[in-house]
Amino acid sequence: MSKNATAEQVRFLIETKVRKLQREQFSSVTYQQVEETLMNEKWQGEIPAHLNKVAADIAALSIQEVVDYITRDGAQQNLNFDSFVEGE
């Protein structure tokens, strides 16, 4: 039986993913960048109803997907591109 995802659960899962990415791969990635990548690339603007789908999508999200999204679609943002290269 699938459980419907609450906003708090989604926020917690994204925050956990952001901390993992910051610790292991890209220290300056933000919650907003990860959330926007999920919303626009994986979920087409709508969070899946079921918690298991949300959790699987967040777990599978790679830093490459985030970087690709923010460099392609987030060009209006003030980004520190040196941090992509240096991993800071």
N, C-alpha and C. Protein backbone atom coordinates (compact mmCIF):
# COMPACT_ATOMS: atom_id res chain seq x y z
N MET A 1 0.84 -1.18 0.00
CA MET A 1 0.00 0.00 0.00
C MET A 1 0.89 1.24 0.00
N SER A 2 0.63 2.16 -0.89
CA SER A 2 1.40 3.40 -0.98
C SER A 2 0.81 4.44 -0.05
N LYS A 3 1.69 5.27 0.46
CA LYS A 3 1.27 6.35 1.33
C LYS A 3 1.43 7.66 0.58
N ASN A 4 0.44 8.54 0.70
CA ASN A 4 0.53 9.85 0.06
C ASN A 4 1.57 10.70 0.77
N ALA A 5 2.34 11.43 -0.01
CA ALA A 5 3.41 12.27 0.51
C ALA A 5 2.84 13.58 1.05
N THR A 6 3.33 14.00 2.21
CA THR A 6 2.96 15.30 2.76
C THR A 6 4.06 16.30 2.39
N ALA A 7 3.74 17.56 2.46
CA ALA A 7 4.72 18.61 2.16
C ALA A 7 5.93 18.50 3.09
N GLU A 8 5.69 18.17 4.35
CA GLU A 8 6.79 18.04 5.32
C GLU A 8 7.70 16.88 4.96
N GLN A 9 7.13 15.78 4.52
CA GLN A 9 7.94 14.62 4.13
C GLN A 9 8.78 14.94 2.89
N VAL A 10 8.20 15.60 1.93
CA VAL A 10 8.93 15.97 0.72
C VAL A 10 10.07 16.91 1.08
N ARG A 11 9.79 17.91 1.89
CA ARG A 11 10.81 18.87 2.31
C ARG A 11 11.95 18.15 3.04
N PHE A 12 11.61 17.24 3.95
CA PHE A 12 12.63 16.48 4.69
C PHE A 12 13.51 15.66 3.73
N LEU A 13 12.89 14.98 2.78
CA LEU A 13 13.66 14.15 1.84
C LEU A 13 14.58 15.00 0.97
N ILE A 14 14.09 16.15 0.52
CA ILE A 14 14.94 17.04 -0.29
C ILE A 14 16.08 17.58 0.55
N GLU A 15 15.79 18.01 1.78
CA GLU A 15 16.84 18.52 2.66
C GLU A 15 17.91 17.47 2.92
N THR A 16 17.49 16.24 3.10
CA THR A 16 18.44 15.14 3.32
C THR A 16 19.32 14.95 2.08
N LYS A 17 18.72 15.01 0.89
CA LYS A 17 19.48 14.86 -0.35
C LYS A 17 20.46 16.01 -0.52
N VAL A 18 20.03 17.23 -0.22
CA VAL A 18 20.91 18.39 -0.33
C VAL A 18 22.13 18.22 0.57
N ARG A 19 21.90 17.82 1.81
CA ARG A 19 23.03 17.62 2.74
C ARG A 19 23.99 16.55 2.22
N LYS A 20 23.45 15.49 1.67
CA LYS A 20 24.30 14.41 1.12
C LYS A 20 25.12 14.93 -0.05
N LEU A 21 24.49 15.65 -0.97
CA LEU A 21 25.21 16.20 -2.11
C LEU A 21 26.27 17.20 -1.67
N GLN A 22 25.94 18.02 -0.69
CA GLN A 22 26.91 19.00 -0.17
C GLN A 22 28.11 18.30 0.46
N ARG A 23 27.86 17.26 1.19
CA ARG A 23 28.91 16.53 1.89
C ARG A 23 29.79 15.73 0.94
N GLU A 24 29.19 15.14 -0.07
CA GLU A 24 29.92 14.19 -0.91
C GLU A 24 30.38 14.72 -2.26
N GLN A 25 29.69 15.74 -2.81
CA GLN A 25 30.00 16.09 -4.20
C GLN A 25 30.08 17.57 -4.50
N PHE A 26 29.21 18.38 -3.94
CA PHE A 26 29.10 19.77 -4.39
C PHE A 26 28.63 20.62 -3.22
N SER A 27 29.58 21.18 -2.48
CA SER A 27 29.27 21.82 -1.21
C SER A 27 28.38 23.06 -1.32
N SER A 28 28.30 23.69 -2.47
CA SER A 28 27.49 24.90 -2.57
C SER A 28 26.12 24.69 -3.21
N VAL A 29 25.72 23.46 -3.45
CA VAL A 29 24.39 23.21 -3.98
C VAL A 29 23.36 23.62 -2.92
N THR A 30 22.24 24.18 -3.37
CA THR A 30 21.23 24.67 -2.44
C THR A 30 19.95 23.84 -2.52
N TYR A 31 19.14 23.99 -1.48
CA TYR A 31 17.83 23.35 -1.45
C TYR A 31 17.02 23.78 -2.68
N GLN A 32 17.01 25.07 -2.96
CA GLN A 32 16.23 25.60 -4.07
C GLN A 32 16.66 24.99 -5.40
N GLN A 33 17.95 24.81 -5.62
CA GLN A 33 18.43 24.23 -6.87
C GLN A 33 17.97 22.78 -7.01
N VAL A 34 18.04 22.02 -5.93
CA VAL A 34 17.61 20.62 -5.97
C VAL A 34 16.10 20.55 -6.16
N GLU A 35 15.37 21.37 -5.43
CA GLU A 35 13.91 21.37 -5.55
C GLU A 35 13.47 21.75 -6.96
N GLU A 36 14.07 22.79 -7.53
CA GLU A 36 13.71 23.21 -8.89
C GLU A 36 14.04 22.13 -9.92
N THR A 37 15.15 21.45 -9.74
CA THR A 37 15.51 20.37 -10.65
C THR A 37 14.46 19.26 -10.59
N LEU A 38 14.08 18.87 -9.40
CA LEU A 38 13.06 17.83 -9.25
C LEU A 38 11.73 18.28 -9.87
N MET A 39 11.30 19.48 -9.51
CA MET A 39 10.00 19.97 -9.98
C MET A 39 9.95 20.09 -11.50
N ASN A 40 11.03 20.57 -12.10
CA ASN A 40 11.00 20.85 -13.53
C ASN A 40 11.50 19.71 -14.40
N GLU A 41 12.37 18.88 -13.89
CA GLU A 41 12.95 17.80 -14.70
C GLU A 41 12.27 16.45 -14.45
N LYS A 42 12.03 16.11 -13.22
CA LYS A 42 11.48 14.79 -12.91
C LYS A 42 9.96 14.80 -12.78
N TRP A 43 9.42 15.88 -12.20
CA TRP A 43 8.00 15.88 -11.85
C TRP A 43 7.15 16.77 -12.74
N GLN A 44 7.70 17.45 -13.70
CA GLN A 44 6.96 18.32 -14.62
C GLN A 44 5.97 19.23 -13.88
N GLY A 45 6.45 19.82 -12.78
CA GLY A 45 5.67 20.82 -12.06
C GLY A 45 4.70 20.30 -11.02
N GLU A 46 4.60 19.00 -10.87
CA GLU A 46 3.65 18.44 -9.90
C GLU A 46 4.31 17.31 -9.11
N ILE A 47 4.33 17.46 -7.80
CA ILE A 47 4.92 16.43 -6.93
C ILE A 47 4.08 15.17 -7.01
N PRO A 48 4.70 14.01 -7.20
CA PRO A 48 3.94 12.76 -7.22
C PRO A 48 3.16 12.56 -5.92
N ALA A 49 2.02 11.92 -6.01
CA ALA A 49 1.17 11.74 -4.84
C ALA A 49 1.75 10.76 -3.83
N HIS A 50 2.43 9.74 -4.31
CA HIS A 50 2.86 8.67 -3.41
C HIS A 50 4.28 8.88 -2.89
N LEU A 51 4.43 8.69 -1.60
CA LEU A 51 5.70 8.90 -0.93
C LEU A 51 6.81 8.02 -1.51
N ASN A 52 6.49 6.78 -1.87
CA ASN A 52 7.53 5.89 -2.41
C ASN A 52 8.09 6.41 -3.73
N LYS A 53 7.27 7.03 -4.57
CA LYS A 53 7.73 7.61 -5.84
C LYS A 53 8.59 8.85 -5.57
N VAL A 54 8.16 9.69 -4.65
CA VAL A 54 8.91 10.89 -4.27
C VAL A 54 10.29 10.48 -3.75
N ALA A 55 10.31 9.53 -2.82
CA ALA A 55 11.57 9.09 -2.22
C ALA A 55 12.50 8.47 -3.27
N ALA A 56 11.96 7.68 -4.17
CA ALA A 56 12.78 7.05 -5.21
C ALA A 56 13.37 8.09 -6.16
N ASP A 57 12.58 9.07 -6.55
CA ASP A 57 13.06 10.12 -7.44
C ASP A 57 14.16 10.95 -6.78
N ILE A 58 13.97 11.28 -5.52
CA ILE A 58 14.97 12.08 -4.81
C ILE A 58 16.25 11.28 -4.63
N ALA A 59 16.12 10.02 -4.26
CA ALA A 59 17.30 9.18 -4.07
C ALA A 59 18.09 9.02 -5.37
N ALA A 60 17.38 8.94 -6.49
CA ALA A 60 18.03 8.71 -7.78
C ALA A 60 18.62 9.99 -8.39
N LEU A 61 18.26 11.14 -7.86
CA LEU A 61 18.74 12.40 -8.42
C LEU A 61 20.26 12.51 -8.28
N SER A 62 20.92 12.79 -9.39
CA SER A 62 22.38 12.91 -9.37
C SER A 62 22.79 14.37 -9.38
N ILE A 63 23.99 14.63 -8.92
CA ILE A 63 24.50 15.99 -8.95
C ILE A 63 24.61 16.47 -10.40
N GLN A 64 24.88 15.58 -11.32
CA GLN A 64 24.96 15.95 -12.74
C GLN A 64 23.63 16.49 -13.24
N GLU A 65 22.53 15.89 -12.83
CA GLU A 65 21.22 16.38 -13.23
C GLU A 65 20.97 17.80 -12.70
N VAL A 66 21.38 18.05 -11.46
CA VAL A 66 21.22 19.37 -10.86
C VAL A 66 22.06 20.39 -11.61
N VAL A 67 23.33 20.07 -11.83
CA VAL A 67 24.23 20.98 -12.54
C VAL A 67 23.71 21.24 -13.95
N ASP A 68 23.29 20.20 -14.64
CA ASP A 68 22.75 20.38 -15.99
C ASP A 68 21.55 21.32 -15.97
N TYR A 69 20.66 21.13 -15.01
CA TYR A 69 19.47 21.97 -14.93
C TYR A 69 19.82 23.42 -14.63
N ILE A 70 20.64 23.65 -13.63
CA ILE A 70 20.90 25.04 -13.25
C ILE A 70 21.78 25.77 -14.26
N THR A 71 22.60 25.05 -15.00
CA THR A 71 23.40 25.73 -16.02
C THR A 71 22.59 25.96 -17.30
N ARG A 72 21.62 25.12 -17.56
CA ARG A 72 20.78 25.27 -18.75
C ARG A 72 19.59 26.18 -18.48
N ASP A 73 18.83 25.90 -17.43
CA ASP A 73 17.58 26.61 -17.18
C ASP A 73 17.70 27.66 -16.09
N GLY A 74 18.75 27.63 -15.32
CA GLY A 74 18.90 28.59 -14.25
C GLY A 74 19.90 29.67 -14.58
N ALA A 75 20.07 29.97 -15.84
CA ALA A 75 21.10 30.91 -16.28
C ALA A 75 20.88 32.32 -15.73
N GLN A 76 19.65 32.66 -15.34
CA GLN A 76 19.40 33.98 -14.82
C GLN A 76 19.91 34.14 -13.39
N GLN A 77 20.15 33.04 -12.71
CA GLN A 77 20.62 33.09 -11.33
C GLN A 77 22.08 33.50 -11.30
N ASN A 78 22.48 34.07 -10.17
CA ASN A 78 23.90 34.38 -9.96
C ASN A 78 24.57 33.13 -9.43
N LEU A 79 25.26 32.43 -10.30
CA LEU A 79 25.90 31.18 -9.93
C LEU A 79 27.40 31.35 -9.90
N ASN A 80 28.03 30.66 -8.97
CA ASN A 80 29.48 30.66 -8.87
C ASN A 80 29.97 29.44 -9.64
N PHE A 81 30.31 29.62 -10.92
CA PHE A 81 30.70 28.50 -11.74
C PHE A 81 32.04 27.92 -11.34
N ASP A 82 32.88 28.67 -10.63
CA ASP A 82 34.14 28.12 -10.12
C ASP A 82 33.86 26.97 -9.17
N SER A 83 32.77 27.03 -8.43
CA SER A 83 32.46 25.98 -7.48
C SER A 83 32.10 24.68 -8.17
N PHE A 84 31.57 24.74 -9.40
CA PHE A 84 31.29 23.51 -10.15
C PHE A 84 32.59 22.79 -10.46
N VAL A 85 33.58 23.53 -10.85
CA VAL A 85 34.86 22.95 -11.26
C VAL A 85 35.64 22.49 -10.04
N GLU A 86 35.66 23.32 -9.02
CA GLU A 86 36.47 23.02 -7.85
C GLU A 86 35.76 22.12 -6.85
N GLY A 87 34.44 21.99 -6.97
CA GLY A 87 33.68 21.17 -6.03
C GLY A 87 33.53 21.84 -4.68
N GLU A 88 33.53 23.16 -4.65
CA GLU A 88 33.40 23.89 -3.40
C GLU A 88 32.01 24.45 -3.28
